[in-house]
């Protein structure tokens, strides 16, 4: 199940920040995570949440240091024990 990211249009309390990851960026990163796990079905929601988390973290770090951030690497993928 793919989650729709809440935007400022959906919730006026949220700032409209172009530095936030787009749905397309999250989709691409979630697919990378899926591939990293060996293309095993059944974890789409977890991949989506992890991708969004990684991209939001990268966005936050980028804005805090005002530099560019490389896309999160597959090595940063958290795995379940």
C-alpha atoms as a PDB file:
ATOM      1  CA  UNK A   1       0.000   0.000   0.000  1.00  0.00           C
ATOM      2  CA  UNK A   2       1.465   3.321  -1.031  1.00  0.00           C
ATOM      3  CA  UNK A   3       0.913   6.285   1.242  1.00  0.00           C
ATOM      4  CA  UNK A   4       0.217   9.763  -0.073  1.00  0.00           C
ATOM      5  CA  UNK A   5       2.442  12.408   1.448  1.00  0.00           C
ATOM      6  CA  UNK A   6       0.518  15.111   3.279  1.00  0.00           C
ATOM      7  CA  UNK A   7       1.159  18.517   1.725  1.00  0.00           C
ATOM      8  CA  UNK A   8       0.501  22.091   2.738  1.00  0.00           C
ATOM      9  CA  UNK A   9      -2.574  21.991   0.500  1.00  0.00           C
ATOM     10  CA  UNK A  10      -3.926  19.051   2.516  1.00  0.00           C
ATOM     11  CA  UNK A  11      -3.042  20.645   5.845  1.00  0.00           C
ATOM     12  CA  UNK A  12      -2.653  24.442   5.953  1.00  0.00           C
ATOM     13  CA  UNK A  13      -0.686  24.125   9.208  1.00  0.00           C
ATOM     14  CA  UNK A  14       2.215  22.627   7.253  1.00  0.00           C
ATOM     15  CA  UNK A  15       4.622  25.019   5.544  1.00  0.00           C
ATOM     16  CA  UNK A  16       4.935  24.744   1.774  1.00  0.00           C
ATOM     17  CA  UNK A  17       8.575  23.704   1.571  1.00  0.00           C
ATOM     18  CA  UNK A  18      10.033  22.878  -1.852  1.00  0.00           C
ATOM     19  CA  UNK A  19      12.995  21.219  -0.091  1.00  0.00           C
ATOM     20  CA  UNK A  20      10.731  18.389   1.072  1.00  0.00           C
ATOM     21  CA  UNK A  21      10.942  15.206  -0.986  1.00  0.00           C
ATOM     22  CA  UNK A  22       8.366  14.784  -3.711  1.00  0.00           C
ATOM     23  CA  UNK A  23       6.148  11.736  -4.054  1.00  0.00           C
ATOM     24  CA  UNK A  24       8.209  10.734  -7.097  1.00  0.00           C
ATOM     25  CA  UNK A  25      11.475  10.914  -5.114  1.00  0.00           C
ATOM     26  CA  UNK A  26       9.947   8.783  -2.360  1.00  0.00           C
ATOM     27  CA  UNK A  27       8.648   6.291  -4.928  1.00  0.00           C
ATOM     28  CA  UNK A  28      12.101   5.970  -6.517  1.00  0.00           C
ATOM     29  CA  UNK A  29      13.842   5.521  -3.155  1.00  0.00           C
ATOM     30  CA  UNK A  30      11.239   2.962  -2.020  1.00  0.00           C
ATOM     31  CA  UNK A  31      11.894   0.995  -5.209  1.00  0.00           C
ATOM     32  CA  UNK A  32      15.642   1.121  -4.526  1.00  0.00           C
ATOM     33  CA  UNK A  33      14.984  -0.294  -1.048  1.00  0.00           C
ATOM     34  CA  UNK A  34      12.784  -3.011  -2.571  1.00  0.00           C
ATOM     35  CA  UNK A  35      15.603  -3.954  -4.943  1.00  0.00           C
ATOM     36  CA  UNK A  36      18.174  -3.891  -2.133  1.00  0.00           C
ATOM     37  CA  UNK A  37      16.046  -6.402  -0.214  1.00  0.00           C
ATOM     38  CA  UNK A  38      16.118  -8.756  -3.208  1.00  0.00           C
ATOM     39  CA  UNK A  39      12.773  -7.755  -4.763  1.00  0.00           C
ATOM     40  CA  UNK A  40      10.807  -9.664  -2.118  1.00  0.00           C
ATOM     41  CA  UNK A  41       7.126  -8.673  -2.087  1.00  0.00           C
ATOM     42  CA  UNK A  42       5.146  -7.819   1.026  1.00  0.00           C
ATOM     43  CA  UNK A  43       7.033  -4.847   2.467  1.00  0.00           C
ATOM     44  CA  UNK A  44       5.871  -1.995   0.240  1.00  0.00           C
ATOM     45  CA  UNK A  45       4.531   0.086   3.118  1.00  0.00           C
ATOM     46  CA  UNK A  46       7.714  -0.365   5.156  1.00  0.00           C
ATOM     47  CA  UNK A  47       9.823   0.554   2.108  1.00  0.00           C
ATOM     48  CA  UNK A  48       7.704   3.675   1.522  1.00  0.00           C
ATOM     49  CA  UNK A  49       7.975   4.798   5.147  1.00  0.00           C
ATOM     50  CA  UNK A  50      11.729   4.133   5.237  1.00  0.00           C
ATOM     51  CA  UNK A  51      12.258   5.977   1.938  1.00  0.00           C
ATOM     52  CA  UNK A  52      10.267   8.966   3.151  1.00  0.00           C
ATOM     53  CA  UNK A  53      12.184   8.966   6.434  1.00  0.00           C
ATOM     54  CA  UNK A  54      15.567   8.826   4.687  1.00  0.00           C
ATOM     55  CA  UNK A  55      14.669  11.596   2.259  1.00  0.00           C
ATOM     56  CA  UNK A  56      13.214  13.817   4.977  1.00  0.00           C
ATOM     57  CA  UNK A  57      16.354  13.295   7.039  1.00  0.00           C
ATOM     58  CA  UNK A  58      18.537  14.157   4.043  1.00  0.00           C
ATOM     59  CA  UNK A  59      16.384  17.234   3.367  1.00  0.00           C
ATOM     60  CA  UNK A  60      16.690  18.360   6.984  1.00  0.00           C
ATOM     61  CA  UNK A  61      20.464  17.895   6.983  1.00  0.00           C
ATOM     62  CA  UNK A  62      20.725  19.768   3.690  1.00  0.00           C
ATOM     63  CA  UNK A  63      18.752  22.749   4.936  1.00  0.00           C
ATOM     64  CA  UNK A  64      20.646  22.845   8.223  1.00  0.00           C
ATOM     65  CA  UNK A  65      24.049  23.004   6.562  1.00  0.00           C
ATOM     66  CA  UNK A  66      22.964  24.753   3.334  1.00  0.00           C
ATOM     67  CA  UNK A  67      24.877  22.329   1.150  1.00  0.00           C
ATOM     68  CA  UNK A  68      24.010  19.517  -1.168  1.00  0.00           C
ATOM     69  CA  UNK A  69      23.216  16.025   0.022  1.00  0.00           C
ATOM     70  CA  UNK A  70      23.971  12.914  -1.957  1.00  0.00           C
ATOM     71  CA  UNK A  71      21.048  10.590  -2.339  1.00  0.00           C
ATOM     72  CA  UNK A  72      20.829   8.122   0.535  1.00  0.00           C
ATOM     73  CA  UNK A  73      22.858   5.016  -0.120  1.00  0.00           C
ATOM     74  CA  UNK A  74      21.538   1.492   0.033  1.00  0.00           C
ATOM     75  CA  UNK A  75      24.054   0.891   2.841  1.00  0.00           C
ATOM     76  CA  UNK A  76      21.903   3.122   5.046  1.00  0.00           C
ATOM     77  CA  UNK A  77      18.963   0.729   4.807  1.00  0.00           C
ATOM     78  CA  UNK A  78      17.796  -0.467   8.180  1.00  0.00           C
ATOM     79  CA  UNK A  79      17.112  -4.169   8.278  1.00  0.00           C
ATOM     80  CA  UNK A  80      14.941  -6.060  10.692  1.00  0.00           C
ATOM     81  CA  UNK A  81      16.802  -8.436  13.057  1.00  0.00           C
END
